Amino acid sequence: MFSYRHAFHAGNHADVLKHAIWVHILDYMNRKDAPYWVVDTHAGAGRYTLDSDWAEKNAEFADGVMRLWNRNDLPPLFAAYIARLRAVNRGEGLRHYPGSPWYALHSLREHDRLRLFELHPTESEVLLANLERESRSAIRQTTIYATDGFDGLKAMMPPPTRRGVVMIDPSYEDKRDYRRAYLAVKEGLQRFATGTFVVWYPMVQRLESSEIGRHLEKIEAKSWVHATLSVRKPSPDGLGLHGSGMYIVNPPYTLHDELKTALPWLTKLLAQDERAVYTLNGKAG
């Protein structure tokens, strides 16, 4: 389970889909003055350096975020995402790539809070070190737990603010993560019916991967959006990530229409062969 390190995959096609949607959700949360909590069940190291040995080993960012970086025809969903990346990199070019916690951290207002879980011992240490390099306000607003995020989430629901968004994106190296992600949403809604729950999952040649989206769509929820992006046909050996999915319960009402415009554009841009395809389903509240 502990062999997974997100630095190998930072900025790839799955990150583009995940983080563009994540930024849109966070920006929408900030439309209201009322405070909210962000809970990330599998935070990772928080931020990554694309010229590190790990990131450059496969250079997955070259076929991901780098294809968007210098374009001037970005749909609004991706324009907001790239603008956030440029702010993190401060004009240095694309060297630093933030994970989900860092997009959240740089979206928080003074009265919002961030709760991060990371069980991997090395990742949690790097996460803490990265946080300590941020501002005092960031340290004050953030709590890191070096424990299992699925278990820890239960104690967080509902947040004291009664407004909140939860990111659930385990590595799925352990096939039980698919079931646990599903239950985290289902049980989370029982405790916090108005919360926004976000599940990322990989599209790989595994039964659990092909079924999780269908199971999530069956959860009783007032509204949801389910988007997938596959950039190529599955490899003959059954290895590798050919796509990913994002399932969001209680999404911003704006998200579905944004994706309706943005996903065809992204699919064409990130396609690695003629089998690139997207799907977009939803239920309005």
C-alpha atoms as a PDB file:
ATOM      1  CA  MET A   1       0.000   0.000   0.000  1.00  0.00           C
ATOM      2  CA  PHE A   2       2.802   2.433   0.812  1.00  0.00           C
ATOM      3  CA  SER A   3       4.559   2.097  -2.548  1.00  0.00           C
ATOM      4  CA  TYR A   4       2.431   4.825  -4.147  1.00  0.00           C
ATOM      5  CA  ARG A   5       3.955   8.304  -4.391  1.00  0.00           C
ATOM      6  CA  HIS A   6       1.972  10.946  -6.220  1.00  0.00           C
ATOM      7  CA  ALA A   7       5.125  12.808  -7.267  1.00  0.00           C
ATOM      8  CA  PHE A   8       5.528  10.232 -10.048  1.00  0.00           C
ATOM      9  CA  HIS A   9       2.202  11.336 -11.551  1.00  0.00           C
ATOM     10  CA  ALA A  10       1.972  15.044 -10.673  1.00  0.00           C
ATOM     11  CA  GLY A  11       0.355  17.150 -13.376  1.00  0.00           C
ATOM     12  CA  ASN A  12      -0.814  14.237 -15.523  1.00  0.00           C
ATOM     13  CA  HIS A  13      -4.149  14.085 -17.377  1.00  0.00           C
ATOM     14  CA  ALA A  14      -5.965  12.845 -14.265  1.00  0.00           C
ATOM     15  CA  ASP A  15      -4.650  15.792 -12.236  1.00  0.00           C
ATOM     16  CA  VAL A  16      -5.841  18.222 -14.899  1.00  0.00           C
ATOM     17  CA  LEU A  17      -9.403  16.910 -14.686  1.00  0.00           C
ATOM     18  CA  LYS A  18      -9.369  16.611 -10.903  1.00  0.00           C
ATOM     19  CA  HIS A  19      -7.828  19.962 -10.080  1.00  0.00           C
ATOM     20  CA  ALA A  20      -9.754  22.034 -12.629  1.00  0.00           C
ATOM     21  CA  ILE A  21     -12.989  20.753 -11.085  1.00  0.00           C
ATOM     22  CA  TRP A  22     -11.567  21.226  -7.578  1.00  0.00           C
ATOM     23  CA  VAL A  23     -10.668  24.870  -8.227  1.00  0.00           C
ATOM     24  CA  HIS A  24     -14.167  25.516  -9.587  1.00  0.00           C
ATOM     25  CA  ILE A  25     -15.740  24.022  -6.451  1.00  0.00           C
ATOM     26  CA  LEU A  26     -13.517  26.039  -4.117  1.00  0.00           C
ATOM     27  CA  ASP A  27     -14.185  29.270  -5.994  1.00  0.00           C
ATOM     28  CA  TYR A  28     -17.898  28.580  -5.773  1.00  0.00           C
ATOM     29  CA  MET A  29     -17.669  27.990  -2.014  1.00  0.00           C
ATOM     30  CA  ASN A  30     -16.094  31.424  -1.683  1.00  0.00           C
ATOM     31  CA  ARG A  31     -19.104  33.141  -3.236  1.00  0.00           C
ATOM     32  CA  LYS A  32     -20.794  33.089   0.174  1.00  0.00           C
ATOM     33  CA  ASP A  33     -19.337  34.869   3.191  1.00  0.00           C
ATOM     34  CA  ALA A  34     -20.193  32.021   5.569  1.00  0.00           C
ATOM     35  CA  PRO A  35     -17.132  29.988   6.666  1.00  0.00           C
ATOM     36  CA  TYR A  36     -16.535  26.426   5.542  1.00  0.00           C
ATOM     37  CA  TRP A  37     -14.218  23.492   6.139  1.00  0.00           C
ATOM     38  CA  VAL A  38     -12.219  21.539   3.563  1.00  0.00           C
ATOM     39  CA  VAL A  39     -11.390  17.939   4.464  1.00  0.00           C
ATOM     40  CA  ASP A  40      -8.917  15.960   2.335  1.00  0.00           C
ATOM     41  CA  THR A  41      -8.833  12.257   3.207  1.00  0.00           C
ATOM     42  CA  HIS A  42      -5.625  11.456   1.276  1.00  0.00           C
ATOM     43  CA  ALA A  43      -3.604  14.648   1.151  1.00  0.00           C
ATOM     44  CA  GLY A  44      -0.255  13.398  -0.135  1.00  0.00           C
ATOM     45  CA  ALA A  45       2.720  15.744   0.161  1.00  0.00           C
ATOM     46  CA  GLY A  46       0.652  18.799  -0.740  1.00  0.00           C
ATOM     47  CA  ARG A  47       2.885  20.135  -3.491  1.00  0.00           C
ATOM     48  CA  TYR A  48       5.437  18.724  -5.931  1.00  0.00           C
ATOM     49  CA  THR A  49       8.409  19.904  -7.980  1.00  0.00           C
ATOM     50  CA  LEU A  50       8.191  18.902 -11.630  1.00  0.00           C
ATOM     51  CA  ASP A  51      11.971  18.930 -12.129  1.00  0.00           C
ATOM     52  CA  SER A  52      12.487  16.422  -9.318  1.00  0.00           C
ATOM     53  CA  ASP A  53      13.786  12.935 -10.101  1.00  0.00           C
ATOM     54  CA  TRP A  54      10.413  11.411  -9.218  1.00  0.00           C
ATOM     55  CA  ALA A  55       8.353  13.708 -11.431  1.00  0.00           C
ATOM     56  CA  GLU A  56      10.795  13.499 -14.336  1.00  0.00           C
ATOM     57  CA  LYS A  57      10.993   9.690 -14.247  1.00  0.00           C
ATOM     58  CA  ASN A  58       7.889   9.345 -16.413  1.00  0.00           C
ATOM     59  CA  ALA A  59       7.278  13.067 -17.069  1.00  0.00           C
ATOM     60  CA  GLU A  60       3.532  12.472 -17.115  1.00  0.00           C
ATOM     61  CA  PHE A  61       2.969  16.220 -16.814  1.00  0.00           C
ATOM     62  CA  ALA A  62       4.210  16.620 -20.406  1.00  0.00           C
ATOM     63  CA  ASP A  63       1.041  14.966 -21.698  1.00  0.00           C
ATOM     64  CA  GLY A  64      -1.074  16.630 -19.023  1.00  0.00           C
ATOM     65  CA  VAL A  65      -0.812  20.129 -17.667  1.00  0.00           C
ATOM     66  CA  MET A  66       1.961  21.202 -20.057  1.00  0.00           C
ATOM     67  CA  ARG A  67      -0.457  20.888 -22.958  1.00  0.00           C
ATOM     68  CA  LEU A  68      -2.581  23.637 -21.362  1.00  0.00           C
ATOM     69  CA  TRP A  69       0.171  25.828 -19.925  1.00  0.00           C
ATOM     70  CA  ASN A  70       0.861  28.172 -22.863  1.00  0.00           C
ATOM     71  CA  ARG A  71      -2.515  28.145 -24.588  1.00  0.00           C
ATOM     72  CA  ASN A  72      -4.640  31.271 -24.923  1.00  0.00           C
ATOM     73  CA  ASP A  73      -7.918  29.527 -25.854  1.00  0.00           C
ATOM     74  CA  LEU A  74      -8.678  27.873 -22.510  1.00  0.00           C
ATOM     75  CA  PRO A  75     -12.350  27.363 -21.580  1.00  0.00           C
ATOM     76  CA  PRO A  76     -13.225  29.206 -18.334  1.00  0.00           C
ATOM     77  CA  LEU A  77     -12.988  26.041 -16.225  1.00  0.00           C
ATOM     78  CA  PHE A  78      -9.374  25.482 -17.261  1.00  0.00           C
ATOM     79  CA  ALA A  79      -8.469  29.167 -17.402  1.00  0.00           C
ATOM     80  CA  ALA A  80      -9.229  29.435 -13.674  1.00  0.00           C
ATOM     81  CA  TYR A  81      -7.150  26.321 -12.983  1.00  0.00           C
ATOM     82  CA  ILE A  82      -4.130  27.567 -14.944  1.00  0.00           C
ATOM     83  CA  ALA A  83      -4.416  31.004 -13.341  1.00  0.00           C
ATOM     84  CA  ARG A  84      -4.135  29.346  -9.911  1.00  0.00           C
ATOM     85  CA  LEU A  85      -1.077  27.430 -11.108  1.00  0.00           C
ATOM     86  CA  ARG A  86       0.561  30.613 -12.369  1.00  0.00           C
ATOM     87  CA  ALA A  87      -0.014  32.249  -8.998  1.00  0.00           C
ATOM     88  CA  VAL A  88       1.691  29.341  -7.225  1.00  0.00           C
ATOM     89  CA  ASN A  89       4.671  29.485  -9.587  1.00  0.00           C
ATOM     90  CA  ARG A  90       5.022  33.292  -9.377  1.00  0.00           C
ATOM     91  CA  GLY A  91       6.205  33.791 -12.920  1.00  0.00           C
ATOM     92  CA  GLU A  92       8.924  31.115 -12.758  1.00  0.00           C
ATOM     93  CA  GLY A  93       7.354  28.925 -15.425  1.00  0.00           C
ATOM     94  CA  LEU A  94       5.697  25.669 -14.515  1.00  0.00           C
ATOM     95  CA  ARG A  95       8.024  24.200 -11.895  1.00  0.00           C
ATOM     96  CA  HIS A  96       5.810  23.698  -8.844  1.00  0.00           C
ATOM     97  CA  TYR A  97       2.663  21.618  -9.045  1.00  0.00           C
ATOM     98  CA  PRO A  98       0.211  21.806  -6.125  1.00  0.00           C
ATOM     99  CA  GLY A  99      -1.843  18.876  -4.947  1.00  0.00           C
ATOM    100  CA  SER A 100      -5.447  19.190  -3.838  1.00  0.00           C
ATOM    101  CA  PRO A 101      -4.538  20.492  -0.344  1.00  0.00           C
ATOM    102  CA  TRP A 102      -2.563  23.407  -1.791  1.00  0.00           C
ATOM    103  CA  TYR A 103      -5.374  24.534  -4.078  1.00  0.00           C
ATOM    104  CA  ALA A 104      -7.568  24.508  -0.981  1.00  0.00           C
ATOM    105  CA  LEU A 105      -4.978  26.261   1.165  1.00  0.00           C
ATOM    106  CA  HIS A 106      -4.683  29.128  -1.318  1.00  0.00           C
ATOM    107  CA  SER A 107      -8.467  29.418  -1.563  1.00  0.00           C
ATOM    108  CA  LEU A 108      -9.216  29.713   2.161  1.00  0.00           C
ATOM    109  CA  ARG A 109     -10.386  32.942   3.701  1.00  0.00           C
ATOM    110  CA  GLU A 110      -9.442  33.885   7.252  1.00  0.00           C
ATOM    111  CA  HIS A 111     -12.412  32.097   8.828  1.00  0.00           C
ATOM    112  CA  ASP A 112     -12.197  28.867   6.774  1.00  0.00           C
ATOM    113  CA  ARG A 113     -10.401  25.713   7.908  1.00  0.00           C
ATOM    114  CA  LEU A 114      -8.449  22.861   6.285  1.00  0.00           C
ATOM    115  CA  ARG A 115      -8.196  19.341   7.697  1.00  0.00           C
ATOM    116  CA  LEU A 116      -5.697  16.990   6.035  1.00  0.00           C
ATOM    117  CA  PHE A 117      -5.220  13.239   6.471  1.00  0.00           C
ATOM    118  CA  GLU A 118      -2.170  11.365   5.186  1.00  0.00           C
ATOM    119  CA  LEU A 119      -1.321   7.874   6.424  1.00  0.00           C
ATOM    120  CA  HIS A 120       1.881   7.375   4.393  1.00  0.00           C
ATOM    121  CA  PRO A 121       4.631   8.185   6.964  1.00  0.00           C
ATOM    122  CA  THR A 122       7.019   9.891   4.542  1.00  0.00           C
ATOM    123  CA  GLU A 123       4.298  11.806   2.714  1.00  0.00           C
ATOM    124  CA  SER A 124       2.847  13.111   5.978  1.00  0.00           C
ATOM    125  CA  GLU A 125       6.289  14.368   7.043  1.00  0.00           C
ATOM    126  CA  VAL A 126       6.803  16.159   3.732  1.00  0.00           C
ATOM    127  CA  LEU A 127       3.265  17.555   3.955  1.00  0.00           C
ATOM    128  CA  LEU A 128       4.029  19.051   7.363  1.00  0.00           C
ATOM    129  CA  ALA A 129       7.356  20.470   6.156  1.00  0.00           C
ATOM    130  CA  ASN A 130       5.644  22.058   3.146  1.00  0.00           C
ATOM    131  CA  LEU A 131       2.988  23.588   5.365  1.00  0.00           C
ATOM    132  CA  GLU A 132       5.596  25.037   7.715  1.00  0.00           C
ATOM    133  CA  ARG A 133       7.046  26.973   4.770  1.00  0.00           C
ATOM    134  CA  GLU A 134       3.705  28.722   4.276  1.00  0.00           C
ATOM    135  CA  SER A 135       2.337  31.726   6.167  1.00  0.00           C
ATOM    136  CA  ARG A 136       1.386  31.768   9.839  1.00  0.00           C
ATOM    137  CA  SER A 137      -2.269  32.034   8.862  1.00  0.00           C
ATOM    138  CA  ALA A 138      -1.966  28.864   6.764  1.00  0.00           C
ATOM    139  CA  ILE A 139      -0.479  26.986   9.721  1.00  0.00           C
ATOM    140  CA  ARG A 140      -3.213  28.322  12.013  1.00  0.00           C
ATOM    141  CA  GLN A 141      -6.001  27.273   9.669  1.00  0.00           C
ATOM    142  CA  THR A 142      -4.686  23.784   8.913  1.00  0.00           C
ATOM    143  CA  THR A 143      -4.521  20.584  10.932  1.00  0.00           C
ATOM    144  CA  ILE A 144      -2.658  17.503   9.669  1.00  0.00           C
ATOM    145  CA  TYR A 145      -3.491  13.997  10.868  1.00  0.00           C
ATOM    146  CA  ALA A 146      -1.057  11.160  10.138  1.00  0.00           C
ATOM    147  CA  THR A 147      -3.893   8.640  10.248  1.00  0.00           C
ATOM    148  CA  ASP A 148      -6.324   6.842   7.970  1.00  0.00           C
ATOM    149  CA  GLY A 149      -8.483   9.421   6.230  1.00  0.00           C
ATOM    150  CA  PHE A 150     -11.464   7.137   5.773  1.00  0.00           C
ATOM    151  CA  ASP A 151     -11.652   6.593   9.521  1.00  0.00           C
ATOM    152  CA  GLY A 152     -10.856  10.202  10.345  1.00  0.00           C
ATOM    153  CA  LEU A 153     -13.561  11.601   8.087  1.00  0.00           C
ATOM    154  CA  LYS A 154     -16.319  10.205  10.267  1.00  0.00           C
ATOM    155  CA  ALA A 155     -15.325  12.405  13.204  1.00  0.00           C
ATOM    156  CA  MET A 156     -15.289  15.497  10.979  1.00  0.00           C
ATOM    157  CA  MET A 157     -18.888  15.225   9.838  1.00  0.00           C
ATOM    158  CA  PRO A 158     -20.675  17.519  10.094  1.00  0.00           C
ATOM    159  CA  PRO A 159     -18.174  20.366  10.434  1.00  0.00           C
ATOM    160  CA  PRO A 160     -19.023  23.048  13.016  1.00  0.00           C
ATOM    161  CA  THR A 161     -19.653  25.547  10.213  1.00  0.00           C
ATOM    162  CA  ARG A 162     -22.321  23.329   8.591  1.00  0.00           C
ATOM    163  CA  ARG A 163     -20.638  24.202   5.278  1.00  0.00           C
ATOM    164  CA  GLY A 164     -17.926  22.015   3.866  1.00  0.00           C
ATOM    165  CA  VAL A 165     -16.357  20.122   1.001  1.00  0.00           C
ATOM    166  CA  VAL A 166     -14.601  16.747   1.175  1.00  0.00           C
ATOM    167  CA  MET A 167     -11.979  15.449  -1.261  1.00  0.00           C
ATOM    168  CA  ILE A 168     -11.652  11.649  -1.409  1.00  0.00           C
ATOM    169  CA  ASP A 169      -8.833  10.460  -3.677  1.00  0.00           C
ATOM    170  CA  PRO A 170      -6.920   7.466  -2.327  1.00  0.00           C
ATOM    171  CA  SER A 171      -4.300   5.713  -4.428  1.00  0.00           C
ATOM    172  CA  TYR A 172      -6.580   2.690  -4.983  1.00  0.00           C
ATOM    173  CA  GLU A 173      -3.525   0.425  -4.886  1.00  0.00           C
ATOM    174  CA  ASP A 174      -5.517  -1.480  -2.277  1.00  0.00           C
ATOM    175  CA  LYS A 175      -8.670  -2.617  -4.084  1.00  0.00           C
ATOM    176  CA  ARG A 176     -10.643  -2.124  -0.862  1.00  0.00           C
ATOM    177  CA  ASP A 177     -10.283   1.631  -1.411  1.00  0.00           C
ATOM    178  CA  TYR A 178     -13.036   1.524  -4.036  1.00  0.00           C
ATOM    179  CA  ARG A 179     -15.532   0.201  -1.525  1.00  0.00           C
ATOM    180  CA  ARG A 180     -14.276   2.514   1.202  1.00  0.00           C
ATOM    181  CA  ALA A 181     -14.599   5.570  -1.050  1.00  0.00           C
ATOM    182  CA  TYR A 182     -18.185   4.608  -1.865  1.00  0.00           C
ATOM    183  CA  LEU A 183     -19.028   4.112   1.814  1.00  0.00           C
ATOM    184  CA  ALA A 184     -17.322   7.384   2.764  1.00  0.00           C
ATOM    185  CA  VAL A 185     -19.763   9.263   0.544  1.00  0.00           C
ATOM    186  CA  LYS A 186     -22.813   7.260   1.531  1.00  0.00           C
ATOM    187  CA  GLU A 187     -22.128   7.490   5.264  1.00  0.00           C
ATOM    188  CA  GLY A 188     -20.891  11.061   4.986  1.00  0.00           C
ATOM    189  CA  LEU A 189     -24.205  12.167   3.508  1.00  0.00           C
ATOM    190  CA  GLN A 190     -26.021  10.578   6.422  1.00  0.00           C
ATOM    191  CA  ARG A 191     -24.065  12.828   8.787  1.00  0.00           C
ATOM    192  CA  PHE A 192     -23.803  15.881   6.532  1.00  0.00           C
ATOM    193  CA  ALA A 193     -26.536  15.857   3.903  1.00  0.00           C
ATOM    194  CA  THR A 194     -25.693  19.303   2.501  1.00  0.00           C
ATOM    195  CA  GLY A 195     -21.946  18.715   2.207  1.00  0.00           C
ATOM    196  CA  THR A 196     -20.114  18.577  -1.099  1.00  0.00           C
ATOM    197  CA  PHE A 197     -18.304  15.251  -1.514  1.00  0.00           C
ATOM    198  CA  VAL A 198     -15.763  14.802  -4.302  1.00  0.00           C
ATOM    199  CA  VAL A 199     -14.468  11.370  -5.333  1.00  0.00           C
ATOM    200  CA  TRP A 200     -11.618  10.892  -7.785  1.00  0.00           C
ATOM    201  CA  TYR A 201     -10.980   7.412  -9.134  1.00  0.00           C
ATOM    202  CA  PRO A 202      -8.609   5.895 -11.711  1.00  0.00           C
ATOM    203  CA  MET A 203      -9.695   4.209 -14.925  1.00  0.00           C
ATOM    204  CA  VAL A 204      -7.590   1.057 -15.023  1.00  0.00           C
ATOM    205  CA  GLN A 205      -8.256  -2.520 -16.102  1.00  0.00           C
ATOM    206  CA  ARG A 206      -9.685  -3.655 -12.816  1.00  0.00           C
ATOM    207  CA  LEU A 207     -13.267  -4.708 -12.069  1.00  0.00           C
ATOM    208  CA  GLU A 208     -13.582  -2.358  -9.111  1.00  0.00           C
ATOM    209  CA  SER A 209     -12.515   0.586 -11.270  1.00  0.00           C
ATOM    210  CA  SER A 210     -15.152  -0.106 -13.903  1.00  0.00           C
ATOM    211  CA  GLU A 211     -17.910  -0.451 -11.297  1.00  0.00           C
ATOM    212  CA  ILE A 212     -17.279   2.391  -8.854  1.00  0.00           C
ATOM    213  CA  GLY A 213     -18.894   5.090 -10.977  1.00  0.00           C
ATOM    214  CA  ARG A 214     -22.099   3.086 -11.386  1.00  0.00           C
ATOM    215  CA  HIS A 215     -22.236   2.407  -7.644  1.00  0.00           C
ATOM    216  CA  LEU A 216     -21.687   6.063  -6.766  1.00  0.00           C
ATOM    217  CA  GLU A 217     -24.497   7.180  -9.076  1.00  0.00           C
ATOM    218  CA  LYS A 218     -26.900   4.948  -7.133  1.00  0.00           C
ATOM    219  CA  ILE A 219     -26.298   6.747  -3.827  1.00  0.00           C
ATOM    220  CA  GLU A 220     -29.373   8.701  -2.798  1.00  0.00           C
ATOM    221  CA  ALA A 221     -28.416  12.343  -3.240  1.00  0.00           C
ATOM    222  CA  LYS A 222     -30.243  15.502  -4.199  1.00  0.00           C
ATOM    223  CA  SER A 223     -27.780  16.333  -6.975  1.00  0.00           C
ATOM    224  CA  TRP A 224     -24.565  15.002  -8.467  1.00  0.00           C
ATOM    225  CA  VAL A 225     -22.203  15.318 -11.428  1.00  0.00           C
ATOM    226  CA  HIS A 226     -20.115  12.461 -12.808  1.00  0.00           C
ATOM    227  CA  ALA A 227     -17.396  13.175 -15.389  1.00  0.00           C
ATOM    228  CA  THR A 228     -14.811  10.839 -16.894  1.00  0.00           C
ATOM    229  CA  LEU A 229     -11.917  11.354 -19.285  1.00  0.00           C
ATOM    230  CA  SER A 230     -10.030   8.565 -21.050  1.00  0.00           C
ATOM    231  CA  VAL A 231      -7.055   9.761 -23.103  1.00  0.00           C
ATOM    232  CA  ARG A 232      -6.219   6.473 -24.828  1.00  0.00           C
ATOM    233  CA  LYS A 233      -7.233   2.870 -25.214  1.00  0.00           C
ATOM    234  CA  PRO A 234      -6.172   0.538 -22.395  1.00  0.00           C
ATOM    235  CA  SER A 235      -2.713  -0.948 -22.886  1.00  0.00           C
ATOM    236  CA  PRO A 236      -2.499  -4.583 -24.042  1.00  0.00           C
ATOM    237  CA  ASP A 237      -0.671  -5.614 -20.874  1.00  0.00           C
ATOM    238  CA  GLY A 238      -3.417  -4.151 -18.691  1.00  0.00           C
ATOM    239  CA  LEU A 239      -1.043  -1.761 -16.940  1.00  0.00           C
ATOM    240  CA  GLY A 240      -1.179   2.005 -16.635  1.00  0.00           C
ATOM    241  CA  LEU A 241      -3.776   4.709 -16.177  1.00  0.00           C
ATOM    242  CA  HIS A 242      -5.751   5.422 -19.342  1.00  0.00           C
ATOM    243  CA  GLY A 243      -8.268   7.766 -17.743  1.00  0.00           C
ATOM    244  CA  SER A 244      -9.969   8.937 -14.570  1.00  0.00           C
ATOM    245  CA  GLY A 245     -13.330   9.880 -13.154  1.00  0.00           C
ATOM    246  CA  MET A 246     -14.711  12.586 -10.897  1.00  0.00           C
ATOM    247  CA  TYR A 247     -17.973  12.138  -9.008  1.00  0.00           C
ATOM    248  CA  ILE A 248     -19.322  15.114  -7.063  1.00  0.00           C
ATOM    249  CA  VAL A 249     -22.323  15.088  -4.694  1.00  0.00           C
ATOM    250  CA  ASN A 250     -24.032  18.441  -4.077  1.00  0.00           C
ATOM    251  CA  PRO A 251     -21.888  20.157  -6.727  1.00  0.00           C
ATOM    252  CA  PRO A 252     -22.032  23.840  -7.630  1.00  0.00           C
ATOM    253  CA  TYR A 253     -25.027  24.310  -9.913  1.00  0.00           C
ATOM    254  CA  THR A 254     -22.586  25.841 -12.413  1.00  0.00           C
ATOM    255  CA  LEU A 255     -20.340  22.783 -12.714  1.00  0.00           C
ATOM    256  CA  HIS A 256     -22.281  20.623 -15.169  1.00  0.00           C
ATOM    257  CA  ASP A 257     -22.611  23.389 -17.766  1.00  0.00           C
ATOM    258  CA  GLU A 258     -18.947  24.321 -17.408  1.00  0.00           C
ATOM    259  CA  LEU A 259     -17.937  20.707 -18.021  1.00  0.00           C
ATOM    260  CA  LYS A 260     -20.331  20.411 -20.954  1.00  0.00           C
ATOM    261  CA  THR A 261     -18.237  23.030 -22.732  1.00  0.00           C
ATOM    262  CA  ALA A 262     -14.814  22.167 -21.332  1.00  0.00           C
ATOM    263  CA  LEU A 263     -14.685  18.360 -21.565  1.00  0.00           C
ATOM    264  CA  PRO A 264     -14.888  18.029 -25.378  1.00  0.00           C
ATOM    265  CA  TRP A 265     -12.093  20.601 -25.658  1.00  0.00           C
ATOM    266  CA  LEU A 266      -9.915  18.820 -23.105  1.00  0.00           C
ATOM    267  CA  THR A 267     -10.494  15.401 -24.648  1.00  0.00           C
ATOM    268  CA  LYS A 268      -9.261  16.626 -28.011  1.00  0.00           C
ATOM    269  CA  LEU A 269      -6.257  18.381 -26.455  1.00  0.00           C
ATOM    270  CA  LEU A 270      -5.084  15.495 -24.253  1.00  0.00           C
ATOM    271  CA  ALA A 271      -5.902  12.636 -26.628  1.00  0.00           C
ATOM    272  CA  GLN A 272      -3.055  10.150 -27.013  1.00  0.00           C
ATOM    273  CA  ASP A 273      -4.840   8.057 -29.641  1.00  0.00           C
ATOM    274  CA  GLU A 274      -8.156   7.771 -31.493  1.00  0.00           C
ATOM    275  CA  ARG A 275      -9.852   6.129 -28.494  1.00  0.00           C
ATOM    276  CA  ALA A 276      -9.871   9.261 -26.311  1.00  0.00           C
ATOM    277  CA  VAL A 277     -13.377   9.871 -24.978  1.00  0.00           C
ATOM    278  CA  TYR A 278     -15.274  11.630 -22.195  1.00  0.00           C
ATOM    279  CA  THR A 279     -18.591  11.076 -20.438  1.00  0.00           C
ATOM    280  CA  LEU A 280     -20.728  13.512 -18.473  1.00  0.00           C
ATOM    281  CA  ASN A 281     -23.779  12.557 -16.427  1.00  0.00           C
ATOM    282  CA  GLY A 282     -25.649  14.332 -13.692  1.00  0.00           C
ATOM    283  CA  LYS A 283     -28.724  14.832 -11.575  1.00  0.00           C
ATOM    284  CA  ALA A 284     -30.017  18.320 -10.879  1.00  0.00           C
ATOM    285  CA  GLY A 285     -31.284  19.240  -7.443  1.00  0.00           C
END
